[in-house]
Amino acid sequence: MAATRGHAVCSSASGNPARNGGKQMTRILMLAIASMVMLSACNTMSGLGEDIEAGGNKLENAADKNKR
């Protein structure tokens, strides 16, 4: 009976840290992926703003040319 008790304690003690370590690693990876997505979204929005501004300038120039 002592062997089965020791085995049960040993298996439950070694199982919990592995599970917690896996959850922590998953959280770290998800945080890293979310950070990359947010940074790329900022660059995309900045580029979109520049494109819209350039388009607005072209429209304004075309309107000025047609006024005269």
PDB file of N, CA and C in Angstrom:
ATOM      1  N   MET A   1       0.811  -1.203   0.000  1.00  0.00           N
ATOM      2  CA  MET A   1       0.000   0.000   0.000  1.00  0.00           C
ATOM      3  C   MET A   1       0.853   1.266   0.000  1.00  0.00           C
ATOM      4  N   ALA A   2       1.994   1.214   0.596  1.00  0.00           N
ATOM      5  CA  ALA A   2       2.845   2.398   0.642  1.00  0.00           C
ATOM      6  C   ALA A   2       3.282   2.802  -0.764  1.00  0.00           C
ATOM      7  N   ALA A   3       3.490   1.824  -1.617  1.00  0.00           N
ATOM      8  CA  ALA A   3       3.937   2.144  -2.975  1.00  0.00           C
ATOM      9  C   ALA A   3       2.837   2.856  -3.756  1.00  0.00           C
ATOM     10  N   THR A   4       1.581   2.430  -3.568  1.00  0.00           N
ATOM     11  CA  THR A   4       0.511   3.086  -4.307  1.00  0.00           C
ATOM     12  C   THR A   4       0.265   4.502  -3.788  1.00  0.00           C
ATOM     13  N   ARG A   5       0.425   4.685  -2.481  1.00  0.00           N
ATOM     14  CA  ARG A   5       0.254   6.037  -1.939  1.00  0.00           C
ATOM     15  C   ARG A   5       1.349   6.964  -2.476  1.00  0.00           C
ATOM     16  N   GLY A   6       2.559   6.496  -2.485  1.00  0.00           N
ATOM     17  CA  GLY A   6       3.667   7.304  -2.986  1.00  0.00           C
ATOM     18  C   GLY A   6       3.494   7.623  -4.454  1.00  0.00           C
ATOM     19  N   HIS A   7       3.002   6.659  -5.215  1.00  0.00           N
ATOM     20  CA  HIS A   7       2.797   6.877  -6.644  1.00  0.00           C
ATOM     21  C   HIS A   7       1.715   7.931  -6.882  1.00  0.00           C
ATOM     22  N   ALA A   8       0.643   7.870  -6.109  1.00  0.00           N
ATOM     23  CA  ALA A   8      -0.452   8.815  -6.282  1.00  0.00           C
ATOM     24  C   ALA A   8       0.005  10.238  -5.936  1.00  0.00           C
ATOM     25  N   VAL A   9       0.778  10.372  -4.858  1.00  0.00           N
ATOM     26  CA  VAL A   9       1.261  11.686  -4.455  1.00  0.00           C
ATOM     27  C   VAL A   9       2.234  12.221  -5.503  1.00  0.00           C
ATOM     28  N   CYS A  10       3.086  11.352  -5.980  1.00  0.00           N
ATOM     29  CA  CYS A  10       4.101  11.758  -6.948  1.00  0.00           C
ATOM     30  C   CYS A  10       3.458  12.198  -8.272  1.00  0.00           C
ATOM     31  N   SER A  11       2.474  11.469  -8.747  1.00  0.00           N
ATOM     32  CA  SER A  11       1.858  11.817 -10.022  1.00  0.00           C
ATOM     33  C   SER A  11       1.038  13.096  -9.917  1.00  0.00           C
ATOM     34  N   SER A  12       0.363  13.330  -8.793  1.00  0.00           N
ATOM     35  CA  SER A  12      -0.429  14.546  -8.676  1.00  0.00           C
ATOM     36  C   SER A  12       0.470  15.760  -8.457  1.00  0.00           C
ATOM     37  N   ALA A  13       1.571  15.588  -7.775  1.00  0.00           N
ATOM     38  CA  ALA A  13       2.472  16.705  -7.535  1.00  0.00           C
ATOM     39  C   ALA A  13       3.185  17.120  -8.820  1.00  0.00           C
ATOM     40  N   SER A  14       3.527  16.157  -9.655  1.00  0.00           N
ATOM     41  CA  SER A  14       4.242  16.516 -10.877  1.00  0.00           C
ATOM     42  C   SER A  14       3.289  16.980 -11.977  1.00  0.00           C
ATOM     43  N   GLY A  15       2.010  16.683 -11.864  1.00  0.00           N
ATOM     44  CA  GLY A  15       1.064  17.070 -12.910  1.00  0.00           C
ATOM     45  C   GLY A  15       0.696  18.538 -12.875  1.00  0.00           C
ATOM     46  N   ASN A  16       0.560  19.125 -11.712  1.00  0.00           N
ATOM     47  CA  ASN A  16       0.115  20.520 -11.606  1.00  0.00           C
ATOM     48  C   ASN A  16       1.105  21.538 -12.164  1.00  0.00           C
ATOM     49  N   PRO A  17       2.393  21.451 -11.843  1.00  0.00           N
ATOM     50  CA  PRO A  17       3.303  22.454 -12.401  1.00  0.00           C
ATOM     51  C   PRO A  17       3.363  22.413 -13.922  1.00  0.00           C
ATOM     52  N   ALA A  18       3.267  21.252 -14.508  1.00  0.00           N
ATOM     53  CA  ALA A  18       3.311  21.155 -15.965  1.00  0.00           C
ATOM     54  C   ALA A  18       2.096  21.841 -16.575  1.00  0.00           C
ATOM     55  N   ARG A  19       0.951  21.667 -15.963  1.00  0.00           N
ATOM     56  CA  ARG A  19      -0.264  22.314 -16.469  1.00  0.00           C
ATOM     57  C   ARG A  19      -0.174  23.823 -16.321  1.00  0.00           C
ATOM     58  N   ASN A  20       0.278  24.290 -15.169  1.00  0.00           N
ATOM     59  CA  ASN A  20       0.391  25.735 -14.943  1.00  0.00           C
ATOM     60  C   ASN A  20       1.442  26.349 -15.859  1.00  0.00           C
ATOM     61  N   GLY A  21       2.536  25.657 -16.068  1.00  0.00           N
ATOM     62  CA  GLY A  21       3.571  26.157 -16.966  1.00  0.00           C
ATOM     63  C   GLY A  21       3.061  26.260 -18.389  1.00  0.00           C
ATOM     64  N   GLY A  22       2.253  25.319 -18.814  1.00  0.00           N
ATOM     65  CA  GLY A  22       1.678  25.357 -20.154  1.00  0.00           C
ATOM     66  C   GLY A  22       0.720  26.523 -20.325  1.00  0.00           C
ATOM     67  N   LYS A  23      -0.077  26.808 -19.316  1.00  0.00           N
ATOM     68  CA  LYS A  23      -1.011  27.933 -19.373  1.00  0.00           C
ATOM     69  C   LYS A  23      -0.260  29.252 -19.409  1.00  0.00           C
ATOM     70  N   GLN A  24       0.806  29.331 -18.626  1.00  0.00           N
ATOM     71  CA  GLN A  24       1.588  30.560 -18.596  1.00  0.00           C
ATOM     72  C   GLN A  24       2.266  30.799 -19.945  1.00  0.00           C
ATOM     73  N   MET A  25       2.799  29.759 -20.544  1.00  0.00           N
ATOM     74  CA  MET A  25       3.448  29.885 -21.849  1.00  0.00           C
ATOM     75  C   MET A  25       2.430  30.307 -22.902  1.00  0.00           C
ATOM     76  N   THR A  26       1.229  29.753 -22.839  1.00  0.00           N
ATOM     77  CA  THR A  26       0.175  30.123 -23.776  1.00  0.00           C
ATOM     78  C   THR A  26      -0.186  31.595 -23.621  1.00  0.00           C
ATOM     79  N   ARG A  27      -0.277  32.056 -22.396  1.00  0.00           N
ATOM     80  CA  ARG A  27      -0.599  33.466 -22.153  1.00  0.00           C
ATOM     81  C   ARG A  27       0.491  34.378 -22.703  1.00  0.00           C
ATOM     82  N   ILE A  28       1.740  33.997 -22.509  1.00  0.00           N
ATOM     83  CA  ILE A  28       2.850  34.808 -23.014  1.00  0.00           C
ATOM     84  C   ILE A  28       2.820  34.863 -24.536  1.00  0.00           C
ATOM     85  N   LEU A  29       2.584  33.727 -25.173  1.00  0.00           N
ATOM     86  CA  LEU A  29       2.514  33.697 -26.634  1.00  0.00           C
ATOM     87  C   LEU A  29       1.352  34.524 -27.156  1.00  0.00           C
ATOM     88  N   MET A  30       0.206  34.422 -26.515  1.00  0.00           N
ATOM     89  CA  MET A  30      -0.959  35.196 -26.941  1.00  0.00           C
ATOM     90  C   MET A  30      -0.700  36.699 -26.782  1.00  0.00           C
ATOM     91  N   LEU A  31      -0.036  37.093 -25.701  1.00  0.00           N
ATOM     92  CA  LEU A  31       0.299  38.492 -25.481  1.00  0.00           C
ATOM     93  C   LEU A  31       1.258  38.986 -26.558  1.00  0.00           C
ATOM     94  N   ALA A  32       2.246  38.171 -26.907  1.00  0.00           N
ATOM     95  CA  ALA A  32       3.201  38.548 -27.955  1.00  0.00           C
ATOM     96  C   ALA A  32       2.503  38.704 -29.306  1.00  0.00           C
ATOM     97  N   ILE A  33       1.617  37.783 -29.629  1.00  0.00           N
ATOM     98  CA  ILE A  33       0.892  37.856 -30.902  1.00  0.00           C
ATOM     99  C   ILE A  33      -0.016  39.084 -30.926  1.00  0.00           C
ATOM    100  N   ALA A  34      -0.704  39.340 -29.827  1.00  0.00           N
ATOM    101  CA  ALA A  34      -1.587  40.510 -29.762  1.00  0.00           C
ATOM    102  C   ALA A  34      -0.788  41.801 -29.904  1.00  0.00           C
ATOM    103  N   SER A  35       0.388  41.853 -29.316  1.00  0.00           N
ATOM    104  CA  SER A  35       1.240  43.044 -29.428  1.00  0.00           C
ATOM    105  C   SER A  35       1.657  43.280 -30.868  1.00  0.00           C
ATOM    106  N   MET A  36       2.040  42.208 -31.567  1.00  0.00           N
ATOM    107  CA  MET A  36       2.443  42.353 -32.965  1.00  0.00           C
ATOM    108  C   MET A  36       1.283  42.830 -33.836  1.00  0.00           C
ATOM    109  N   VAL A  37       0.110  42.291 -33.586  1.00  0.00           N
ATOM    110  CA  VAL A  37      -1.068  42.685 -34.374  1.00  0.00           C
ATOM    111  C   VAL A  37      -1.386  44.158 -34.137  1.00  0.00           C
ATOM    112  N   MET A  38      -1.303  44.604 -32.892  1.00  0.00           N
ATOM    113  CA  MET A  38      -1.614  45.997 -32.581  1.00  0.00           C
ATOM    114  C   MET A  38      -0.594  46.937 -33.212  1.00  0.00           C
ATOM    115  N   LEU A  39       0.682  46.565 -33.182  1.00  0.00           N
ATOM    116  CA  LEU A  39       1.706  47.409 -33.781  1.00  0.00           C
ATOM    117  C   LEU A  39       1.543  47.494 -35.295  1.00  0.00           C
ATOM    118  N   SER A  40       1.218  46.391 -35.923  1.00  0.00           N
ATOM    119  CA  SER A  40       1.036  46.429 -37.370  1.00  0.00           C
ATOM    120  C   SER A  40      -0.223  47.204 -37.731  1.00  0.00           C
ATOM    121  N   ALA A  41      -1.228  47.162 -36.889  1.00  0.00           N
ATOM    122  CA  ALA A  41      -2.454  47.921 -37.136  1.00  0.00           C
ATOM    123  C   ALA A  41      -2.172  49.415 -37.069  1.00  0.00           C
ATOM    124  N   CYS A  42      -1.296  49.837 -36.168  1.00  0.00           N
ATOM    125  CA  CYS A  42      -0.943  51.258 -36.075  1.00  0.00           C
ATOM    126  C   CYS A  42      -0.258  51.717 -37.355  1.00  0.00           C
ATOM    127  N   ASN A  43       0.662  50.904 -37.871  1.00  0.00           N
ATOM    128  CA  ASN A  43       1.340  51.261 -39.111  1.00  0.00           C
ATOM    129  C   ASN A  43       0.358  51.300 -40.272  1.00  0.00           C
ATOM    130  N   THR A  44      -0.576  50.382 -40.296  1.00  0.00           N
ATOM    131  CA  THR A  44      -1.570  50.343 -41.368  1.00  0.00           C
ATOM    132  C   THR A  44      -2.447  51.589 -41.335  1.00  0.00           C
ATOM    133  N   MET A  45      -2.886  51.974 -40.162  1.00  0.00           N
ATOM    134  CA  MET A  45      -3.745  53.157 -40.042  1.00  0.00           C
ATOM    135  C   MET A  45      -2.977  54.422 -40.403  1.00  0.00           C
ATOM    136  N   SER A  46      -1.711  54.479 -40.038  1.00  0.00           N
ATOM    137  CA  SER A  46      -0.886  55.630 -40.393  1.00  0.00           C
ATOM    138  C   SER A  46      -0.745  55.728 -41.907  1.00  0.00           C
ATOM    139  N   GLY A  47      -0.475  54.612 -42.553  1.00  0.00           N
ATOM    140  CA  GLY A  47      -0.362  54.590 -44.013  1.00  0.00           C
ATOM    141  C   GLY A  47      -1.673  54.945 -44.685  1.00  0.00           C
ATOM    142  N   LEU A  48      -2.776  54.471 -44.111  1.00  0.00           N
ATOM    143  CA  LEU A  48      -4.097  54.783 -44.667  1.00  0.00           C
ATOM    144  C   LEU A  48      -4.371  56.274 -44.575  1.00  0.00           C
ATOM    145  N   GLY A  49      -3.989  56.877 -43.458  1.00  0.00           N
ATOM    146  CA  GLY A  49      -4.173  58.321 -43.299  1.00  0.00           C
ATOM    147  C   GLY A  49      -3.382  59.106 -44.335  1.00  0.00           C
ATOM    148  N   GLU A  50      -2.162  58.663 -44.601  1.00  0.00           N
ATOM    149  CA  GLU A  50      -1.341  59.336 -45.617  1.00  0.00           C
ATOM    150  C   GLU A  50      -1.954  59.188 -47.005  1.00  0.00           C
ATOM    151  N   ASP A  51      -2.482  58.006 -47.308  1.00  0.00           N
ATOM    152  CA  ASP A  51      -3.123  57.778 -48.607  1.00  0.00           C
ATOM    153  C   ASP A  51      -4.356  58.654 -48.777  1.00  0.00           C
ATOM    154  N   ILE A  52      -5.150  58.761 -47.732  1.00  0.00           N
ATOM    155  CA  ILE A  52      -6.361  59.590 -47.797  1.00  0.00           C
ATOM    156  C   ILE A  52      -5.980  61.058 -47.967  1.00  0.00           C
ATOM    157  N   GLU A  53      -4.953  61.475 -47.249  1.00  0.00           N
ATOM    158  CA  GLU A  53      -4.493  62.863 -47.369  1.00  0.00           C
ATOM    159  C   GLU A  53      -4.005  63.160 -48.796  1.00  0.00           C
ATOM    160  N   ALA A  54      -3.244  62.234 -49.371  1.00  0.00           N
ATOM    161  CA  ALA A  54      -2.747  62.416 -50.740  1.00  0.00           C
ATOM    162  C   ALA A  54      -3.914  62.481 -51.730  1.00  0.00           C
ATOM    163  N   GLY A  55      -4.908  61.629 -51.527  1.00  0.00           N
ATOM    164  CA  GLY A  55      -6.089  61.656 -52.393  1.00  0.00           C
ATOM    165  C   GLY A  55      -6.840  62.967 -52.269  1.00  0.00           C
ATOM    166  N   GLY A  56      -6.952  63.478 -51.055  1.00  0.00           N
ATOM    167  CA  GLY A  56      -7.618  64.765 -50.832  1.00  0.00           C
ATOM    168  C   GLY A  56      -6.868  65.901 -51.506  1.00  0.00           C
ATOM    169  N   ASN A  57      -5.537  65.858 -51.438  1.00  0.00           N
ATOM    170  CA  ASN A  57      -4.733  66.898 -52.108  1.00  0.00           C
ATOM    171  C   ASN A  57      -4.934  66.864 -53.616  1.00  0.00           C
ATOM    172  N   LYS A  58      -4.997  65.679 -54.203  1.00  0.00           N
ATOM    173  CA  LYS A  58      -5.217  65.562 -55.641  1.00  0.00           C
ATOM    174  C   LYS A  58      -6.590  66.097 -56.040  1.00  0.00           C
ATOM    175  N   LEU A  59      -7.598  65.788 -55.235  1.00  0.00           N
ATOM    176  CA  LEU A  59      -8.938  66.313 -55.516  1.00  0.00           C
ATOM    177  C   LEU A  59      -8.968  67.837 -55.424  1.00  0.00           C
ATOM    178  N   GLU A  60      -8.290  68.355 -54.412  1.00  0.00           N
ATOM    179  CA  GLU A  60      -8.251  69.807 -54.238  1.00  0.00           C
ATOM    180  C   GLU A  60      -7.537  70.475 -55.424  1.00  0.00           C
ATOM    181  N   ASN A  61      -6.437  69.891 -55.857  1.00  0.00           N
ATOM    182  CA  ASN A  61      -5.707  70.439 -57.017  1.00  0.00           C
ATOM    183  C   ASN A  61      -6.551  70.376 -58.280  1.00  0.00           C
ATOM    184  N   ALA A  62      -7.258  69.277 -58.479  1.00  0.00           N
ATOM    185  CA  ALA A  62      -8.115  69.149 -59.652  1.00  0.00           C
ATOM    186  C   ALA A  62      -9.248  70.170 -59.617  1.00  0.00           C
ATOM    187  N   ALA A  63      -9.784  70.409 -58.431  1.00  0.00           N
ATOM    188  CA  ALA A  63     -10.862  71.394 -58.310  1.00  0.00           C
ATOM    189  C   ALA A  63     -10.346  72.802 -58.595  1.00  0.00           C
ATOM    190  N   ASP A  64      -9.140  73.098 -58.120  1.00  0.00           N
ATOM    191  CA  ASP A  64      -8.547  74.413 -58.376  1.00  0.00           C
ATOM    192  C   ASP A  64      -8.296  74.621 -59.873  1.00  0.00           C
ATOM    193  N   LYS A  65      -7.843  73.579 -60.571  1.00  0.00           N
ATOM    194  CA  LYS A  65      -7.582  73.696 -62.003  1.00  0.00           C
ATOM    195  C   LYS A  65      -8.873  73.936 -62.784  1.00  0.00           C
ATOM    196  N   ASN A  66      -9.954  73.331 -62.367  1.00  0.00           N
ATOM    197  CA  ASN A  66     -11.227  73.457 -63.081  1.00  0.00           C
ATOM    198  C   ASN A  66     -11.962  74.742 -62.743  1.00  0.00           C
ATOM    199  N   LYS A  67     -11.589  75.449 -61.712  1.00  0.00           N
ATOM    200  CA  LYS A  67     -12.213  76.719 -61.341  1.00  0.00           C
ATOM    201  C   LYS A  67     -11.872  77.792 -62.350  1.00  0.00           C
ATOM    202  N   ARG A  68     -10.674  77.789 -62.822  1.00  0.00           N
ATOM    203  CA  ARG A  68     -10.175  78.884 -63.660  1.00  0.00           C
ATOM    204  C   ARG A  68     -10.646  78.788 -65.036  1.00  0.00           C
TER     205      ARG A  68
END
